Amino acid sequence: MHARARALPANALILVGRQNNDLSSLTIGERVRLNSGGPAMLVLDIEGDQVTVADGATEVEYVFPRACLDKCNR
């Protein structure tokens, strides 16, 4: 039996929960992680809703919408 791939429209997705709701207090120097998982990253800059982070392992910078990030517990 083979699994069938189906497209899921983006408007069918909803946010059902997050680890840390209060991202309004996000500051430069904090550790964050993508909601989908992955390594902890360091916040380098915050410009409006866009957050620039760096992955310590690769030293590459990324820019994500604030809603895509969760604060790390430690």
PDB file of N, CA and C in Angstrom:
ATOM      1  N   MET A   1       0.841  -1.173   0.000  1.00  0.00           N
ATOM      2  CA  MET A   1       0.000   0.000   0.000  1.00  0.00           C
ATOM      3  C   MET A   1       0.890   1.242   0.000  1.00  0.00           C
ATOM      4  N   HIS A   2       0.634   2.152  -0.893  1.00  0.00           N
ATOM      5  CA  HIS A   2       1.417   3.373  -1.016  1.00  0.00           C
ATOM      6  C   HIS A   2       0.640   4.559  -0.462  1.00  0.00           C
ATOM      7  N   ALA A   3       1.350   5.440   0.206  1.00  0.00           N
ATOM      8  CA  ALA A   3       0.729   6.664   0.708  1.00  0.00           C
ATOM      9  C   ALA A   3       0.542   7.634  -0.447  1.00  0.00           C
ATOM     10  N   ARG A   4      -0.557   8.322  -0.452  1.00  0.00           N
ATOM     11  CA  ARG A   4      -0.828   9.311  -1.484  1.00  0.00           C
ATOM     12  C   ARG A   4      -0.461  10.699  -0.998  1.00  0.00           C
ATOM     13  N   ALA A   5       0.226  11.440  -1.820  1.00  0.00           N
ATOM     14  CA  ALA A   5       0.561  12.825  -1.486  1.00  0.00           C
ATOM     15  C   ALA A   5      -0.609  13.717  -1.885  1.00  0.00           C
ATOM     16  N   ARG A   6      -0.989  14.621  -1.000  1.00  0.00           N
ATOM     17  CA  ARG A   6      -2.048  15.578  -1.277  1.00  0.00           C
ATOM     18  C   ARG A   6      -1.560  16.970  -0.937  1.00  0.00           C
ATOM     19  N   ALA A   7      -2.009  17.912  -1.685  1.00  0.00           N
ATOM     20  CA  ALA A   7      -1.684  19.301  -1.389  1.00  0.00           C
ATOM     21  C   ALA A   7      -2.616  19.791  -0.286  1.00  0.00           C
ATOM     22  N   LEU A   8      -2.076  20.585   0.604  1.00  0.00           N
ATOM     23  CA  LEU A   8      -2.861  21.180   1.678  1.00  0.00           C
ATOM     24  C   LEU A   8      -2.823  22.691   1.488  1.00  0.00           C
ATOM     25  N   PRO A   9      -3.977  23.317   1.289  1.00  0.00           N
ATOM     26  CA  PRO A   9      -3.974  24.767   1.091  1.00  0.00           C
ATOM     27  C   PRO A   9      -3.494  25.494   2.346  1.00  0.00           C
ATOM     28  N   ALA A  10      -2.715  26.541   2.146  1.00  0.00           N
ATOM     29  CA  ALA A  10      -2.146  27.293   3.268  1.00  0.00           C
ATOM     30  C   ALA A  10      -3.224  27.858   4.182  1.00  0.00           C
ATOM     31  N   ASN A  11      -4.370  28.235   3.641  1.00  0.00           N
ATOM     32  CA  ASN A  11      -5.422  28.811   4.486  1.00  0.00           C
ATOM     33  C   ASN A  11      -6.117  27.753   5.345  1.00  0.00           C
ATOM     34  N   ALA A  12      -5.751  26.487   5.182  1.00  0.00           N
ATOM     35  CA  ALA A  12      -6.318  25.422   6.014  1.00  0.00           C
ATOM     36  C   ALA A  12      -5.485  25.191   7.276  1.00  0.00           C
ATOM     37  N   LEU A  13      -4.338  25.850   7.381  1.00  0.00           N
ATOM     38  CA  LEU A  13      -3.458  25.687   8.533  1.00  0.00           C
ATOM     39  C   LEU A  13      -3.829  26.680   9.624  1.00  0.00           C
ATOM     40  N   ILE A  14      -3.804  26.220  10.859  1.00  0.00           N
ATOM     41  CA  ILE A  14      -4.067  27.107  11.984  1.00  0.00           C
ATOM     42  C   ILE A  14      -3.028  26.859  13.067  1.00  0.00           C
ATOM     43  N   LEU A  15      -2.708  27.873  13.820  1.00  0.00           N
ATOM     44  CA  LEU A  15      -1.791  27.753  14.947  1.00  0.00           C
ATOM     45  C   LEU A  15      -2.574  27.224  16.141  1.00  0.00           C
ATOM     46  N   VAL A  16      -2.164  26.062  16.648  1.00  0.00           N
ATOM     47  CA  VAL A  16      -2.903  25.463  17.756  1.00  0.00           C
ATOM     48  C   VAL A  16      -2.221  25.656  19.093  1.00  0.00           C
ATOM     49  N   GLY A  17      -1.009  26.109  19.098  1.00  0.00           N
ATOM     50  CA  GLY A  17      -0.326  26.351  20.361  1.00  0.00           C
ATOM     51  C   GLY A  17       1.114  26.722  20.124  1.00  0.00           C
ATOM     52  N   ARG A  18       1.726  27.254  21.131  1.00  0.00           N
ATOM     53  CA  ARG A  18       3.147  27.595  21.053  1.00  0.00           C
ATOM     54  C   ARG A  18       3.712  27.509  22.451  1.00  0.00           C
ATOM     55  N   GLN A  19       5.024  27.384  22.527  1.00  0.00           N
ATOM     56  CA  GLN A  19       5.668  27.225  23.825  1.00  0.00           C
ATOM     57  C   GLN A  19       5.685  28.527  24.612  1.00  0.00           C
ATOM     58  N   ASN A  20       6.032  29.623  23.966  1.00  0.00           N
ATOM     59  CA  ASN A  20       6.140  30.917  24.636  1.00  0.00           C
ATOM     60  C   ASN A  20       5.335  31.948  23.855  1.00  0.00           C
ATOM     61  N   ASN A  21       4.227  32.372  24.402  1.00  0.00           N
ATOM     62  CA  ASN A  21       3.353  33.307  23.699  1.00  0.00           C
ATOM     63  C   ASN A  21       3.899  34.725  23.653  1.00  0.00           C
ATOM     64  N   ASP A  22       4.650  35.144  24.641  1.00  0.00           N
ATOM     65  CA  ASP A  22       5.050  36.545  24.755  1.00  0.00           C
ATOM     66  C   ASP A  22       6.333  36.827  23.983  1.00  0.00           C
ATOM     67  N   LEU A  23       6.203  37.014  22.663  1.00  0.00           N
ATOM     68  CA  LEU A  23       7.369  37.363  21.863  1.00  0.00           C
ATOM     69  C   LEU A  23       7.523  38.875  21.753  1.00  0.00           C
ATOM     70  N   SER A  24       6.603  39.636  22.352  1.00  0.00           N
ATOM     71  CA  SER A  24       6.722  41.088  22.308  1.00  0.00           C
ATOM     72  C   SER A  24       7.941  41.547  23.095  1.00  0.00           C
ATOM     73  N   SER A  25       8.373  40.747  24.059  1.00  0.00           N
ATOM     74  CA  SER A  25       9.532  41.116  24.868  1.00  0.00           C
ATOM     75  C   SER A  25      10.830  40.525  24.324  1.00  0.00           C
ATOM     76  N   LEU A  26      10.803  40.039  23.101  1.00  0.00           N
ATOM     77  CA  LEU A  26      12.002  39.472  22.478  1.00  0.00           C
ATOM     78  C   LEU A  26      13.080  40.551  22.373  1.00  0.00           C
ATOM     79  N   THR A  27      14.309  40.221  22.798  1.00  0.00           N
ATOM     80  CA  THR A  27      15.387  41.201  22.770  1.00  0.00           C
ATOM     81  C   THR A  27      16.621  40.635  22.084  1.00  0.00           C
ATOM     82  N   ILE A  28      17.467  41.531  21.640  1.00  0.00           N
ATOM     83  CA  ILE A  28      18.731  41.130  21.018  1.00  0.00           C
ATOM     84  C   ILE A  28      19.563  40.377  22.055  1.00  0.00           C
ATOM     85  N   GLY A  29      20.144  39.275  21.612  1.00  0.00           N
ATOM     86  CA  GLY A  29      20.959  38.452  22.495  1.00  0.00           C
ATOM     87  C   GLY A  29      20.234  37.239  23.046  1.00  0.00           C
ATOM     88  N   GLU A  30      18.904  37.190  22.897  1.00  0.00           N
ATOM     89  CA  GLU A  30      18.141  36.035  23.378  1.00  0.00           C
ATOM     90  C   GLU A  30      18.315  34.843  22.449  1.00  0.00           C
ATOM     91  N   ARG A  31      18.071  33.659  22.985  1.00  0.00           N
ATOM     92  CA  ARG A  31      18.120  32.422  22.207  1.00  0.00           C
ATOM     93  C   ARG A  31      16.700  32.072  21.787  1.00  0.00           C
ATOM     94  N   VAL A  32      16.527  31.745  20.509  1.00  0.00           N
ATOM     95  CA  VAL A  32      15.228  31.360  19.973  1.00  0.00           C
ATOM     96  C   VAL A  32      15.377  30.090  19.141  1.00  0.00           C
ATOM     97  N   ARG A  33      14.247  29.493  18.841  1.00  0.00           N
ATOM     98  CA  ARG A  33      14.205  28.286  18.012  1.00  0.00           C
ATOM     99  C   ARG A  33      12.993  28.420  17.095  1.00  0.00           C
ATOM    100  N   LEU A  34      13.070  27.866  15.905  1.00  0.00           N
ATOM    101  CA  LEU A  34      11.918  27.853  15.013  1.00  0.00           C
ATOM    102  C   LEU A  34      10.787  27.055  15.647  1.00  0.00           C
ATOM    103  N   ASN A  35       9.568  27.453  15.414  1.00  0.00           N
ATOM    104  CA  ASN A  35       8.414  26.711  15.925  1.00  0.00           C
ATOM    105  C   ASN A  35       8.455  25.263  15.475  1.00  0.00           C
ATOM    106  N   SER A  36       8.999  25.017  14.297  1.00  0.00           N
ATOM    107  CA  SER A  36       9.052  23.672  13.746  1.00  0.00           C
ATOM    108  C   SER A  36      10.214  22.861  14.295  1.00  0.00           C
ATOM    109  N   GLY A  37      11.045  23.488  15.125  1.00  0.00           N
ATOM    110  CA  GLY A  37      12.201  22.802  15.711  1.00  0.00           C
ATOM    111  C   GLY A  37      13.503  23.319  15.134  1.00  0.00           C
ATOM    112  N   GLY A  38      14.560  22.586  15.375  1.00  0.00           N
ATOM    113  CA  GLY A  38      15.868  22.989  14.878  1.00  0.00           C
ATOM    114  C   GLY A  38      16.748  23.492  15.996  1.00  0.00           C
ATOM    115  N   PRO A  39      17.933  23.972  15.624  1.00  0.00           N
ATOM    116  CA  PRO A  39      18.895  24.415  16.640  1.00  0.00           C
ATOM    117  C   PRO A  39      18.507  25.754  17.267  1.00  0.00           C
ATOM    118  N   ALA A  40      19.036  25.990  18.446  1.00  0.00           N
ATOM    119  CA  ALA A  40      18.863  27.297  19.083  1.00  0.00           C
ATOM    120  C   ALA A  40      19.668  28.316  18.293  1.00  0.00           C
ATOM    121  N   MET A  41      19.108  29.515  18.143  1.00  0.00           N
ATOM    122  CA  MET A  41      19.770  30.579  17.390  1.00  0.00           C
ATOM    123  C   MET A  41      19.776  31.841  18.231  1.00  0.00           C
ATOM    124  N   LEU A  42      20.716  32.713  17.963  1.00  0.00           N
ATOM    125  CA  LEU A  42      20.893  33.959  18.697  1.00  0.00           C
ATOM    126  C   LEU A  42      20.249  35.103  17.932  1.00  0.00           C
ATOM    127  N   VAL A  43      19.442  35.913  18.620  1.00  0.00           N
ATOM    128  CA  VAL A  43      18.808  37.077  17.996  1.00  0.00           C
ATOM    129  C   VAL A  43      19.863  38.174  17.826  1.00  0.00           C
ATOM    130  N   LEU A  44      20.039  38.614  16.577  1.00  0.00           N
ATOM    131  CA  LEU A  44      21.018  39.666  16.260  1.00  0.00           C
ATOM    132  C   LEU A  44      20.369  41.025  16.062  1.00  0.00           C
ATOM    133  N   ASP A  45      19.155  41.039  15.495  1.00  0.00           N
ATOM    134  CA  ASP A  45      18.488  42.304  15.190  1.00  0.00           C
ATOM    135  C   ASP A  45      16.983  42.071  15.113  1.00  0.00           C
ATOM    136  N   ILE A  46      16.229  43.085  15.469  1.00  0.00           N
ATOM    137  CA  ILE A  46      14.776  43.039  15.366  1.00  0.00           C
ATOM    138  C   ILE A  46      14.346  44.313  14.661  1.00  0.00           C
ATOM    139  N   GLU A  47      13.690  44.144  13.525  1.00  0.00           N
ATOM    140  CA  GLU A  47      13.234  45.295  12.763  1.00  0.00           C
ATOM    141  C   GLU A  47      11.764  45.073  12.418  1.00  0.00           C
ATOM    142  N   GLY A  48      10.885  45.701  13.181  1.00  0.00           N
ATOM    143  CA  GLY A  48       9.454  45.477  12.988  1.00  0.00           C
ATOM    144  C   GLY A  48       9.100  44.047  13.346  1.00  0.00           C
ATOM    145  N   ASP A  49       8.522  43.328  12.385  1.00  0.00           N
ATOM    146  CA  ASP A  49       8.133  41.932  12.594  1.00  0.00           C
ATOM    147  C   ASP A  49       9.224  40.959  12.153  1.00  0.00           C
ATOM    148  N   GLN A  50      10.325  41.475  11.624  1.00  0.00           N
ATOM    149  CA  GLN A  50      11.406  40.630  11.104  1.00  0.00           C
ATOM    150  C   GLN A  50      12.527  40.506  12.135  1.00  0.00           C
ATOM    151  N   VAL A  51      12.953  39.263  12.365  1.00  0.00           N
ATOM    152  CA  VAL A  51      14.002  38.993  13.355  1.00  0.00           C
ATOM    153  C   VAL A  51      15.187  38.352  12.642  1.00  0.00           C
ATOM    154  N   THR A  52      16.360  38.953  12.795  1.00  0.00           N
ATOM    155  CA  THR A  52      17.590  38.391  12.236  1.00  0.00           C
ATOM    156  C   THR A  52      18.249  37.553  13.305  1.00  0.00           C
ATOM    157  N   VAL A  53      18.547  36.291  12.956  1.00  0.00           N
ATOM    158  CA  VAL A  53      19.153  35.358  13.899  1.00  0.00           C
ATOM    159  C   VAL A  53      20.385  34.729  13.264  1.00  0.00           C
ATOM    160  N   ALA A  54      21.237  34.168  14.106  1.00  0.00           N
ATOM    161  CA  ALA A  54      22.423  33.460  13.617  1.00  0.00           C
ATOM    162  C   ALA A  54      22.445  32.075  14.231  1.00  0.00           C
ATOM    163  N   ASP A  55      22.735  31.114  13.394  1.00  0.00           N
ATOM    164  CA  ASP A  55      22.898  29.725  13.822  1.00  0.00           C
ATOM    165  C   ASP A  55      24.349  29.582  14.254  1.00  0.00           C
ATOM    166  N   GLY A  56      24.581  29.223  15.499  1.00  0.00           N
ATOM    167  CA  GLY A  56      25.933  29.116  16.026  1.00  0.00           C
ATOM    168  C   GLY A  56      26.792  28.064  15.340  1.00  0.00           C
ATOM    169  N   ALA A  57      26.174  27.023  14.825  1.00  0.00           N
ATOM    170  CA  ALA A  57      26.931  25.938  14.189  1.00  0.00           C
ATOM    171  C   ALA A  57      27.500  26.361  12.834  1.00  0.00           C
ATOM    172  N   THR A  58      26.716  27.097  12.054  1.00  0.00           N
ATOM    173  CA  THR A  58      27.162  27.460  10.706  1.00  0.00           C
ATOM    174  C   THR A  58      27.546  28.928  10.589  1.00  0.00           C
ATOM    175  N   GLU A  59      27.221  29.724  11.602  1.00  0.00           N
ATOM    176  CA  GLU A  59      27.477  31.162  11.607  1.00  0.00           C
ATOM    177  C   GLU A  59      26.823  31.874  10.426  1.00  0.00           C
ATOM    178  N   VAL A  60      25.706  31.334   9.975  1.00  0.00           N
ATOM    179  CA  VAL A  60      24.935  31.935   8.895  1.00  0.00           C
ATOM    180  C   VAL A  60      23.792  32.723   9.510  1.00  0.00           C
ATOM    181  N   GLU A  61      23.488  33.885   8.945  1.00  0.00           N
ATOM    182  CA  GLU A  61      22.385  34.705   9.429  1.00  0.00           C
ATOM    183  C   GLU A  61      21.123  34.423   8.627  1.00  0.00           C
ATOM    184  N   TYR A  62      19.987  34.428   9.321  1.00  0.00           N
ATOM    185  CA  TYR A  62      18.687  34.207   8.702  1.00  0.00           C
ATOM    186  C   TYR A  62      17.740  35.292   9.191  1.00  0.00           C
ATOM    187  N   VAL A  63      16.730  35.598   8.397  1.00  0.00           N
ATOM    188  CA  VAL A  63      15.690  36.544   8.799  1.00  0.00           C
ATOM    189  C   VAL A  63      14.357  35.796   8.766  1.00  0.00           C
ATOM    190  N   PHE A  64      13.638  35.822   9.891  1.00  0.00           N
ATOM    191  CA  PHE A  64      12.353  35.140  10.012  1.00  0.00           C
ATOM    192  C   PHE A  64      11.301  36.105  10.543  1.00  0.00           C
ATOM    193  N   PRO A  65      10.040  35.887  10.182  1.00  0.00           N
ATOM    194  CA  PRO A  65       8.977  36.632  10.855  1.00  0.00           C
ATOM    195  C   PRO A  65       8.954  36.226  12.325  1.00  0.00           C
ATOM    196  N   ARG A  66       8.664  37.161  13.202  1.00  0.00           N
ATOM    197  CA  ARG A  66       8.641  36.908  14.643  1.00  0.00           C
ATOM    198  C   ARG A  66       7.724  35.739  15.009  1.00  0.00           C
ATOM    199  N   ALA A  67       6.620  35.583  14.285  1.00  0.00           N
ATOM    200  CA  ALA A  67       5.649  34.527  14.583  1.00  0.00           C
ATOM    201  C   ALA A  67       6.215  33.123  14.360  1.00  0.00           C
ATOM    202  N   CYS A  68       7.313  33.008  13.637  1.00  0.00           N
ATOM    203  CA  CYS A  68       7.912  31.692  13.355  1.00  0.00           C
ATOM    204  C   CYS A  68       8.848  31.228  14.472  1.00  0.00           C
ATOM    205  N   LEU A  69       9.083  32.065  15.468  1.00  0.00           N
ATOM    206  CA  LEU A  69      10.092  31.775  16.495  1.00  0.00           C
ATOM    207  C   LEU A  69       9.490  31.607  17.873  1.00  0.00           C
ATOM    208  N   ASP A  70      10.146  30.780  18.668  1.00  0.00           N
ATOM    209  CA  ASP A  70       9.823  30.601  20.080  1.00  0.00           C
ATOM    210  C   ASP A  70      11.091  30.859  20.885  1.00  0.00           C
ATOM    211  N   LYS A  71      10.936  31.464  22.055  1.00  0.00           N
ATOM    212  CA  LYS A  71      12.084  31.641  22.936  1.00  0.00           C
ATOM    213  C   LYS A  71      12.522  30.285  23.469  1.00  0.00           C
ATOM    214  N   CYS A  72      13.832  30.118  23.626  1.00  0.00           N
ATOM    215  CA  CYS A  72      14.353  28.895  24.240  1.00  0.00           C
ATOM    216  C   CYS A  72      14.199  29.006  25.747  1.00  0.00           C
ATOM    217  N   ASN A  73      13.953  27.907  26.390  1.00  0.00           N
ATOM    218  CA  ASN A  73      13.769  27.912  27.841  1.00  0.00           C
ATOM    219  C   ASN A  73      15.054  28.184  28.598  1.00  0.00           C
ATOM    220  N   ARG A  74      16.192  27.843  28.009  1.00  0.00           N
ATOM    221  CA  ARG A  74      17.462  28.085  28.691  1.00  0.00           C
ATOM    222  C   ARG A  74      18.358  28.919  27.843  1.00  0.00           C
TER     223      ARG A  74
END
